[in-house]
Amino acid sequence: MTPDDWIQQLKKAYPKRARGKNYNWPVAIRHLRGHLKNYPFDMILAGTEEFCKAMKISGDYGTEFIPMASTFYGPQERFLDEYETEGPEL
């Protein structure tokens, strides 16, 4: 079941980008509504949290190397990818 505050939870879990808020959330939300028909919310949230942790470990957190949310949640379903989450956070 999808919680009422699912958008806020994903926005909070998504890694921060450099130079402001270029996340393109309206497009990301449109993609996510389609994905929620095929995947449980908990799976999408876990993939987002794993990605965020991997970006902290790699040192890319807060840089321009963080994809826009509309890309991460887009048709390629990058929230399903596996990310390296072992190692110290930089």
Protein backbone atom coordinates (compact mmCIF):
# COMPACT_ATOMS: atom_id res chain seq x y z
CA MET A 1 0.00 0.00 0.00
CA THR A 2 1.23 3.45 -0.86
CA PRO A 3 1.29 5.94 2.04
CA ASP A 4 -0.47 9.29 1.70
CA ASP A 5 2.84 11.16 2.01
CA TRP A 6 4.74 9.07 -0.57
CA ILE A 7 5.92 12.10 -2.55
CA GLN A 8 7.36 13.79 0.55
CA GLN A 9 9.09 10.56 1.62
CA LEU A 10 10.79 10.18 -1.76
CA LYS A 11 11.80 13.86 -1.89
CA LYS A 12 13.37 13.53 1.56
CA ALA A 13 15.23 10.32 0.61
CA TYR A 14 16.51 11.57 -2.76
CA PRO A 15 20.12 12.85 -2.69
CA LYS A 16 20.75 16.57 -2.90
CA ARG A 17 22.05 18.06 -6.14
CA ALA A 18 24.45 20.92 -6.76
CA ARG A 19 23.14 24.39 -7.62
CA GLY A 20 19.60 24.34 -6.41
CA LYS A 21 16.57 22.24 -6.97
CA ASN A 22 16.77 20.99 -10.55
CA TYR A 23 14.93 17.77 -9.77
CA ASN A 24 12.02 18.18 -12.21
CA TRP A 25 9.66 16.57 -9.68
CA PRO A 26 6.45 17.06 -11.71
CA VAL A 27 7.82 14.75 -14.41
CA ALA A 28 9.26 12.37 -11.80
CA ILE A 29 5.88 12.12 -10.08
CA ARG A 30 4.19 11.31 -13.38
CA HIS A 31 6.69 8.47 -13.93
CA LEU A 32 6.30 7.28 -10.34
CA ARG A 33 2.53 7.01 -10.57
CA GLY A 34 3.04 4.53 -13.40
CA HIS A 35 5.73 2.62 -11.51
CA LEU A 36 3.54 2.31 -8.42
CA LYS A 37 1.21 0.14 -10.49
CA ASN A 38 4.04 -2.37 -10.99
CA TYR A 39 6.25 -2.03 -7.89
CA PRO A 40 5.49 -1.65 -4.19
CA PHE A 41 6.29 1.75 -2.72
CA ASP A 42 8.69 0.18 -0.20
CA MET A 43 10.81 -1.17 -3.08
CA ILE A 44 11.02 2.26 -4.74
CA LEU A 45 11.87 3.95 -1.44
CA ALA A 46 14.54 1.34 -0.62
CA GLY A 47 16.12 1.83 -4.05
CA THR A 48 16.15 5.59 -3.51
CA GLU A 49 17.77 5.26 -0.08
CA GLU A 50 20.38 2.82 -1.43
CA PHE A 51 21.21 5.24 -4.25
CA CYS A 52 21.56 8.12 -1.78
CA LYS A 53 23.92 6.09 0.41
CA ALA A 54 26.00 5.11 -2.63
CA MET A 55 26.30 8.76 -3.68
CA LYS A 56 27.55 9.68 -0.20
CA ILE A 57 30.13 6.88 -0.32
CA SER A 58 31.33 7.84 -3.80
CA GLY A 59 31.57 11.52 -2.90
CA ASP A 60 29.02 12.52 -5.54
CA TYR A 61 26.36 13.61 -3.02
CA GLY A 62 25.56 17.28 -3.53
CA THR A 63 27.21 17.47 -6.95
CA GLU A 64 26.01 17.82 -10.52
CA PHE A 65 26.55 14.04 -10.89
CA ILE A 66 23.26 13.34 -9.12
CA PRO A 67 20.70 12.73 -11.88
CA MET A 68 17.50 14.70 -11.88
CA ALA A 69 14.67 12.85 -10.14
CA SER A 70 12.80 12.71 -13.45
CA THR A 71 15.71 10.68 -14.88
CA PHE A 72 16.18 8.45 -11.83
CA TYR A 73 12.47 7.59 -11.70
CA GLY A 74 12.08 7.61 -15.49
CA PRO A 75 11.48 4.75 -17.94
CA GLN A 76 14.89 3.19 -17.21
CA GLU A 77 13.76 2.56 -13.61
CA ARG A 78 17.15 3.36 -12.06
CA PHE A 79 15.65 2.85 -8.61
CA LEU A 80 15.86 -0.90 -9.37
CA ASP A 81 19.61 -0.81 -10.04
CA GLU A 82 22.10 -2.13 -7.50
CA TYR A 83 24.51 0.41 -6.06
CA GLU A 84 27.76 0.03 -4.13
CA THR A 85 26.88 0.78 -0.52
CA GLU A 86 29.93 -0.63 1.24
CA GLY A 87 32.60 1.72 2.48
CA PRO A 88 32.90 4.92 4.49
CA GLU A 89 30.70 7.83 3.59
CA LEU A 90 32.74 10.77 2.33
